Protein backbone atom coordinates (compact mmCIF):
# COMPACT_ATOMS: atom_id res chain seq x y z
CA MET A 1 159.78 174.05 143.72
CA LYS A 2 159.66 173.41 139.88
CA VAL A 3 158.97 170.27 138.21
CA CYS A 4 160.30 169.02 135.18
CA GLN A 5 157.59 169.34 132.93
CA LYS A 6 158.73 165.85 130.96
CA CYS A 7 160.02 163.82 133.88
CA GLY A 8 158.42 165.25 136.93
CA CYS A 9 161.15 165.12 138.75
CA GLU A 10 161.58 168.67 141.46
CA ASN A 11 164.03 170.97 141.22
CA ASN A 12 164.48 174.15 142.93
CA ASP A 13 162.50 177.13 142.38
CA GLU A 14 166.15 178.52 141.00
CA SER A 15 167.21 176.03 138.90
CA LYS A 16 165.98 176.32 134.73
CA PHE A 17 167.15 172.79 133.55
CA CYS A 18 165.71 169.38 135.20
CA LYS A 19 168.46 167.73 137.23
CA ARG A 20 167.08 164.72 136.06
CA CYS A 21 167.17 165.05 132.61
CA GLY A 22 168.10 167.89 131.84
CA GLY A 23 164.70 169.51 130.12
CA LYS A 24 163.93 173.10 130.50
CA LEU A 25 162.15 174.74 133.42
CA GLU A 26 159.30 176.66 133.00
CA GLU A 27 158.89 179.43 135.45
CA ARG A 28 156.05 178.50 138.05
CA VAL A 29 153.29 180.99 138.05
CA SER A 30 153.59 182.58 141.64
CA GLU A 31 150.18 181.58 143.70
CA ASP A 32 148.68 185.40 144.15
CA PHE A 33 148.43 185.19 140.60
CA THR A 34 146.18 182.27 140.31
CA GLN A 35 144.00 183.43 143.18
CA GLU A 36 143.96 186.59 141.02
CA MET A 37 142.54 184.13 137.58
CA GLY A 38 141.05 182.22 140.28
CA ALA A 39 143.40 179.27 138.89
CA GLY A 40 145.24 177.12 139.60
CA TRP A 41 148.36 174.72 138.77
CA CYS A 42 149.33 171.02 137.48
CA PRO A 43 149.93 169.16 140.20
CA ARG A 44 152.02 167.16 137.99
CA CYS A 45 154.10 169.63 136.03
CA GLY A 46 153.18 172.82 138.03
CA ALA A 47 152.32 174.45 134.88
CA ALA A 48 150.11 177.38 135.46
CA ARG A 49 146.58 176.16 134.98
CA MET A 50 143.08 178.49 134.24
CA GLN A 51 139.86 178.89 135.44
CA GLY A 52 137.51 176.22 132.77
CA GLN A 53 140.62 175.06 132.02
CA GLN A 54 140.49 171.00 131.98
CA PHE A 55 143.76 169.08 131.50
CA CYS A 56 147.10 170.35 131.45
CA THR A 57 148.46 171.66 128.19
CA SER A 58 152.07 171.40 128.80
CA CYS A 59 151.74 166.93 130.20
CA GLY A 60 147.98 166.77 129.34
CA TYR A 61 146.81 165.07 133.71
CA PRO A 62 143.20 165.98 134.00
CA PHE A 63 141.31 168.68 136.75
CA SER A 64 139.08 167.07 138.56
CA GLY A 65 138.36 169.85 141.20
CA GLY A 66 140.70 169.07 143.98
CA GLU A 67 144.25 168.88 143.93
CA GLY A 68 145.68 172.29 141.96
CA GLY A 69 142.48 174.52 142.19
CA MET A 70 139.44 174.54 140.64
CA GLY A 71 137.35 172.52 138.03
CA GLY A 72 134.66 169.13 138.04
CA GLN A 73 135.39 165.22 136.94
CA ALA A 74 137.13 165.62 133.52
CA GLU A 75 138.04 162.72 131.59
CA PRO A 76 141.74 162.58 130.01
CA PRO A 77 141.96 163.67 126.29
CA ALA A 78 142.62 160.18 123.91
CA ASP A 79 146.14 159.84 123.43
CA LYS A 80 146.75 159.99 126.74
CA ALA A 81 143.45 158.52 128.17
CA GLU A 82 143.63 154.71 129.32
CA LYS A 83 141.54 152.09 126.01
CA ARG A 84 138.55 151.23 127.19
CA ALA A 85 137.48 147.03 126.50
CA PRO A 86 135.33 147.17 123.36
CA LYS A 87 131.50 146.88 123.61
CA LYS A 88 130.42 143.05 124.12
CA ARG A 89 128.54 143.41 120.59
CA ARG A 90 125.84 140.88 122.47
CA TRP A 91 123.60 140.68 119.50
CA ILE A 92 125.72 139.46 117.28
CA ILE A 93 124.55 135.75 117.98
CA PRO A 94 120.51 136.84 117.54
CA VAL A 95 121.04 138.02 114.07
CA MET A 96 123.13 134.97 112.76
CA ILE A 97 120.22 132.42 114.57
CA ILE A 98 118.00 134.88 112.22
CA LEU A 99 119.74 133.97 108.96
CA VAL A 100 119.97 131.01 109.13
CA LEU A 101 116.94 129.65 109.63
CA VAL A 102 115.71 132.40 106.85
CA ILE A 103 118.11 130.59 104.82
CA ALA A 104 117.72 127.07 105.68
CA GLY A 105 112.99 128.17 105.18
CA ILE A 106 114.26 129.18 101.30
CA ASP A 107 116.19 125.58 100.49
CA ILE A 108 112.74 124.71 101.50
CA PHE A 109 110.62 125.77 100.09
CA LEU A 110 113.45 126.06 97.03
CA TYR A 111 113.42 122.25 96.94
CA ARG A 112 109.85 121.03 98.14
CA GLU A 113 110.08 118.79 94.54
CA GLU A 114 112.68 116.55 95.74
CA ILE A 115 112.13 116.39 99.20
CA ALA A 116 108.36 115.70 98.98
CA GLY A 117 110.14 112.62 96.75
CA PHE A 118 112.43 111.82 98.83
CA PHE A 119 110.28 111.08 101.54
CA GLY A 120 107.64 108.68 98.97
CA GLY A 121 105.61 111.18 96.36
CA SER A 122 105.59 114.68 95.06
CA ALA A 123 104.16 117.30 97.79
CA GLY A 124 102.05 118.72 94.91
CA GLU A 125 100.88 115.26 94.40
CA ASN A 126 99.99 114.85 98.88
CA ALA A 127 98.55 117.80 98.62
CA GLU A 128 96.01 117.10 96.14
CA THR A 129 95.41 114.08 97.44
CA GLU A 130 94.42 115.37 100.79
CA GLU A 131 92.49 118.16 99.61
CA ASP A 132 89.86 115.76 97.47
CA GLY A 133 91.08 112.46 97.46
CA ARG A 134 90.88 112.25 93.51
CA GLY A 135 93.54 111.50 91.62
CA ALA A 136 95.27 113.43 88.61
CA GLY A 137 93.03 113.18 85.88
CA ASP A 138 89.82 112.42 87.85
CA GLU A 139 86.22 115.52 87.51
CA PRO A 140 86.37 117.44 90.45
CA VAL A 141 82.55 116.25 92.26
CA ALA A 142 80.40 118.63 93.50
CA GLU A 143 79.29 118.52 96.82
CA GLU A 144 75.79 118.34 97.72
CA PRO A 145 74.03 121.75 99.90
CA GLY A 146 74.31 121.07 103.32
CA ALA A 147 75.86 117.19 102.44
CA GLU A 148 77.52 116.79 105.33
CA THR A 149 81.40 113.71 105.32
CA PRO A 150 80.46 111.16 107.52
CA ALA A 151 83.63 111.65 110.33
CA GLU A 152 86.09 108.48 110.43
CA GLU A 153 85.46 106.36 113.63
CA PRO A 154 88.73 106.39 115.99
CA GLY A 155 90.58 103.57 114.81
CA THR A 156 89.25 102.25 111.81
CA GLU A 157 91.44 101.59 108.79
CA PRO A 158 89.79 102.38 105.04
CA MET A 159 88.32 99.23 102.87
CA ALA A 160 90.96 98.14 100.84
CA GLU A 161 90.02 97.77 97.63
CA GLU A 162 88.80 93.86 96.29
CA PRO A 163 90.86 93.06 92.68
CA GLU A 164 88.95 91.95 89.97
CA PRO A 165 87.77 88.96 89.06
CA ALA A 166 90.15 86.54 87.53
CA ALA A 167 88.39 85.22 83.92
CA GLU A 168 87.02 82.18 85.48
CA GLU A 169 86.00 83.59 88.41
CA GLN A 170 83.98 86.42 85.68
CA GLU A 171 80.76 86.12 85.56
CA ARG A 172 80.02 83.47 82.23
CA SER A 173 77.44 81.98 79.98
CA PHE A 174 77.03 80.41 77.04
CA THR A 175 74.73 78.89 74.60
CA TYR A 176 75.80 75.68 73.63
CA ALA A 177 75.56 73.06 70.97
CA VAL A 178 77.33 69.27 69.86
CA TYR A 179 78.28 67.82 66.56
CA LEU A 180 78.88 64.86 65.57
CA GLY A 181 81.34 63.41 63.16
CA ASP A 182 85.01 62.27 62.97
CA PHE A 183 87.22 65.07 63.25
CA THR A 184 90.59 65.63 65.67
CA TRP A 185 91.39 67.59 68.70
CA GLU A 186 92.76 70.40 66.33
CA GLU A 187 89.70 70.27 63.87
CA ALA A 188 87.01 70.75 66.08
CA ARG A 189 88.37 73.41 67.11
CA ARG A 190 88.88 75.09 64.04
CA GLN A 191 84.73 73.96 63.62
CA CYS A 192 83.60 75.59 66.49
CA GLU A 193 85.60 79.31 65.53
CA ALA A 194 84.44 78.94 61.86
CA LEU A 195 81.06 78.73 63.82
CA GLY A 196 81.95 81.72 66.27
CA GLY A 197 82.42 80.11 69.47
CA GLN A 198 85.30 77.79 70.52
CA LEU A 199 85.35 74.17 72.20
CA ALA A 200 83.56 74.46 75.28
CA THR A 201 85.07 75.25 78.10
CA ILE A 202 84.29 74.12 81.82
CA TYR A 203 84.64 76.26 85.12
CA SER A 204 82.39 75.76 87.76
CA GLN A 205 80.10 72.46 88.22
CA GLU A 206 77.21 74.86 87.04
CA GLU A 207 78.86 75.29 83.71
CA MET A 208 79.03 71.32 84.30
CA THR A 209 75.70 70.71 84.24
CA ALA A 210 74.89 72.66 81.42
CA ILE A 211 76.09 71.37 79.37
CA GLU A 212 74.93 67.84 80.39
CA GLN A 213 71.52 69.49 79.59
CA ALA A 214 73.04 70.44 76.39
CA LEU A 215 73.50 66.85 75.72
CA ALA A 216 70.13 65.38 76.70
CA GLN A 217 68.66 67.91 74.20
CA SER A 218 70.44 66.67 71.72
CA GLY A 219 68.97 63.19 72.59
CA ILE A 220 72.29 62.09 73.76
CA GLY A 221 71.90 60.55 77.19
CA PRO A 222 74.34 57.94 78.96
CA SER A 223 72.44 55.52 77.40
CA THR A 224 73.06 56.41 73.88
CA ALA A 225 76.75 57.85 74.60
CA THR A 226 77.71 54.16 77.15
CA GLY A 227 76.44 52.44 73.97
CA GLN A 228 77.82 53.54 71.20
CA TYR A 229 81.16 54.79 73.59
CA ARG A 230 80.78 58.16 72.39
CA TYR A 231 83.07 60.88 73.28
CA PHE A 232 83.17 65.05 73.11
CA TRP A 233 85.92 67.24 71.92
CA ILE A 234 86.01 69.88 74.64
CA GLY A 235 88.51 72.53 75.23
CA GLY A 236 91.27 71.57 77.71
CA THR A 237 94.80 71.00 75.86
CA ARG A 238 98.33 70.19 77.38
CA MET A 239 99.72 71.26 73.98
CA ASN A 240 101.55 74.59 73.91
CA ASN A 241 101.91 74.96 77.08
CA PRO A 242 105.44 76.67 77.27
CA GLU A 243 104.74 76.90 81.59
CA GLY A 244 104.68 72.55 81.84
CA ASP A 245 103.29 69.18 81.04
CA TYR A 246 99.96 70.71 82.57
CA TYR A 247 96.35 70.54 80.80
CA TYR A 248 94.56 73.77 80.97
CA TRP A 249 91.43 75.24 79.13
CA ILE A 250 92.17 77.12 76.02
CA ASP A 251 90.35 80.35 77.41
CA ASP A 252 92.47 80.55 80.13
CA THR A 253 94.35 84.60 79.87
CA ALA A 254 95.61 84.28 83.13
CA ASN A 255 99.88 83.82 82.88
CA PRO A 256 100.48 81.28 83.74
CA PRO A 257 97.09 79.24 83.39
CA ALA A 258 95.33 77.43 86.34
CA ASN A 259 96.33 73.88 86.43
CA LEU A 260 94.02 71.56 85.27
CA ASN A 261 95.29 68.24 86.93
CA GLY A 262 93.65 68.22 89.80
CA GLY A 263 94.23 68.30 93.15
CA ASP A 264 94.05 71.75 93.95
CA PRO A 265 90.32 72.15 95.77
CA ASP A 266 90.30 75.42 93.81
CA ILE A 267 90.16 74.38 90.90
CA TYR A 268 86.99 72.96 89.22
CA ALA A 269 87.68 69.00 87.59
CA ALA A 270 85.85 66.08 86.51
CA TRP A 271 88.90 63.49 86.12
CA GLY A 272 87.20 60.11 85.08
CA THR A 273 89.32 57.82 87.06
CA ASP A 274 93.71 57.12 87.26
CA SER A 275 92.73 60.29 84.62
CA PRO A 276 94.58 62.43 83.39
CA SER A 277 97.75 59.60 82.55
CA PHE A 278 99.48 61.53 79.73
CA MET A 279 99.65 58.70 77.71
CA TRP A 280 97.64 55.32 76.11
CA ASN A 281 99.41 51.81 75.81
CA ASN A 282 97.66 50.58 72.42
CA ASN A 283 99.85 46.81 72.29
CA GLY A 284 103.64 48.03 73.63
CA THR A 285 102.87 51.19 71.61
CA ILE A 286 103.01 54.27 73.33
CA TYR A 287 100.72 57.62 72.31
CA ASN A 288 101.31 60.21 74.00
CA GLU A 289 97.56 62.34 75.55
CA ASP A 290 97.25 65.76 75.02
CA CYS A 291 93.73 66.74 74.50
CA MET A 292 90.24 66.32 76.56
CA VAL A 293 87.25 64.51 76.21
CA LEU A 294 83.38 64.54 77.81
CA GLY A 295 82.34 61.21 78.43
CA TYR A 296 80.23 58.85 80.43
CA ASP A 297 81.34 56.34 83.00
CA GLU A 298 78.52 53.71 83.44
CA GLY A 299 80.59 52.45 86.17
CA GLN A 300 81.48 56.04 87.69
CA GLY A 301 77.79 56.94 86.38
CA ARG A 302 78.20 60.38 85.97
CA TRP A 303 79.87 62.64 82.77
CA ILE A 304 83.82 62.64 83.32
CA TRP A 305 86.83 64.05 81.63
CA ASN A 306 89.60 61.87 79.95
CA ASP A 307 92.29 62.96 77.88
CA VAL A 308 92.90 60.84 74.07
CA ALA A 309 95.23 61.36 71.47
CA ASN A 310 94.84 63.84 69.13
CA ASP A 311 94.09 61.11 66.77
CA PRO A 312 92.05 59.13 68.24
CA TYR A 313 90.15 58.36 64.83
CA GLY A 314 94.07 57.12 62.92
CA LEU A 315 94.76 54.78 65.97
CA ASN A 316 91.67 53.13 66.40
CA GLY A 317 89.80 53.25 63.17
CA TRP A 318 86.97 55.16 64.47
CA ALA A 319 85.94 56.44 61.12
CA GLY A 320 82.73 56.62 59.96
CA THR A 321 81.65 54.79 63.13
CA SER A 322 80.50 58.66 64.41
CA ARG A 323 81.36 57.53 67.71
CA MET A 324 84.03 61.63 67.87
CA GLY A 325 81.89 64.52 67.76
CA TYR A 326 82.63 68.23 69.76
CA ILE A 327 80.78 70.90 71.42
CA CYS A 328 80.97 74.62 70.80
CA GLN A 329 80.12 77.35 73.50
CA PHE A 330 78.70 80.53 71.92
CA GLU A 331 79.25 84.10 74.44
CA ASN A 332 75.25 84.69 75.40
């Protein structure tokens, strides 16, 4: 039988053309010839196969060493073999993950300052603080050889720094001087400043006692003070107070200054009964009382604060009576 090389149809050995497709049939090589040459023939198209030949030269059929004669298992040619499925590239995912991590690390390094600032402080400042616990402008502190840093006990918190005391809480030390004269409060203030001091301000009982001793050393005790109704200007007023209508010390630098009107147990005060009154009714004429004086109250048996008008001489006709004076303080 002859097999058509084009369509694979079997034809009689005498046929020269295929009965199905009309293609020309090649002559079949005799079995004696193939045995003699140690070859065979193609089982598909019947074409002769030489020894060692792995594929049919006519139809591309692969010879596998069984049917059709000699040879071992052979792969089909590229144009005849079935297309193989592409191999899975499993290495792609790990490589992509590594690339993403590398890029993220580079971004964090380049923008570390902005990232640290977003979470509350620059990386440089935090690193510097953690290293030595000092500010940018501090000098480095040399550690003593062999010195060990005490370990912080677990559960303990660093002690907060105590705030600096206010002006009135800071240590104060003054020398006091007593002057007699017919002056208004503002005149007495200018006289003290001209002498290098200021009208006395009293923030504690200790300062009050020191002023009482200065009065006694000047020969002004309770008897002379009450006998002549003497009052001494001190540095308290409610004039020109932008924070409100209350008395304050002229050297109080707090903002706002402490309210001396009384009622606050943390603020020292030595007002007399019904003081401050803020006004004086002189036979139906009302006068504002804006300035503080120190005088002795015989009924209470102590030196007290009182508020009077800025010009008691003009109001009461005290001029030339030496009923007024002032107390200056000078820093030691």
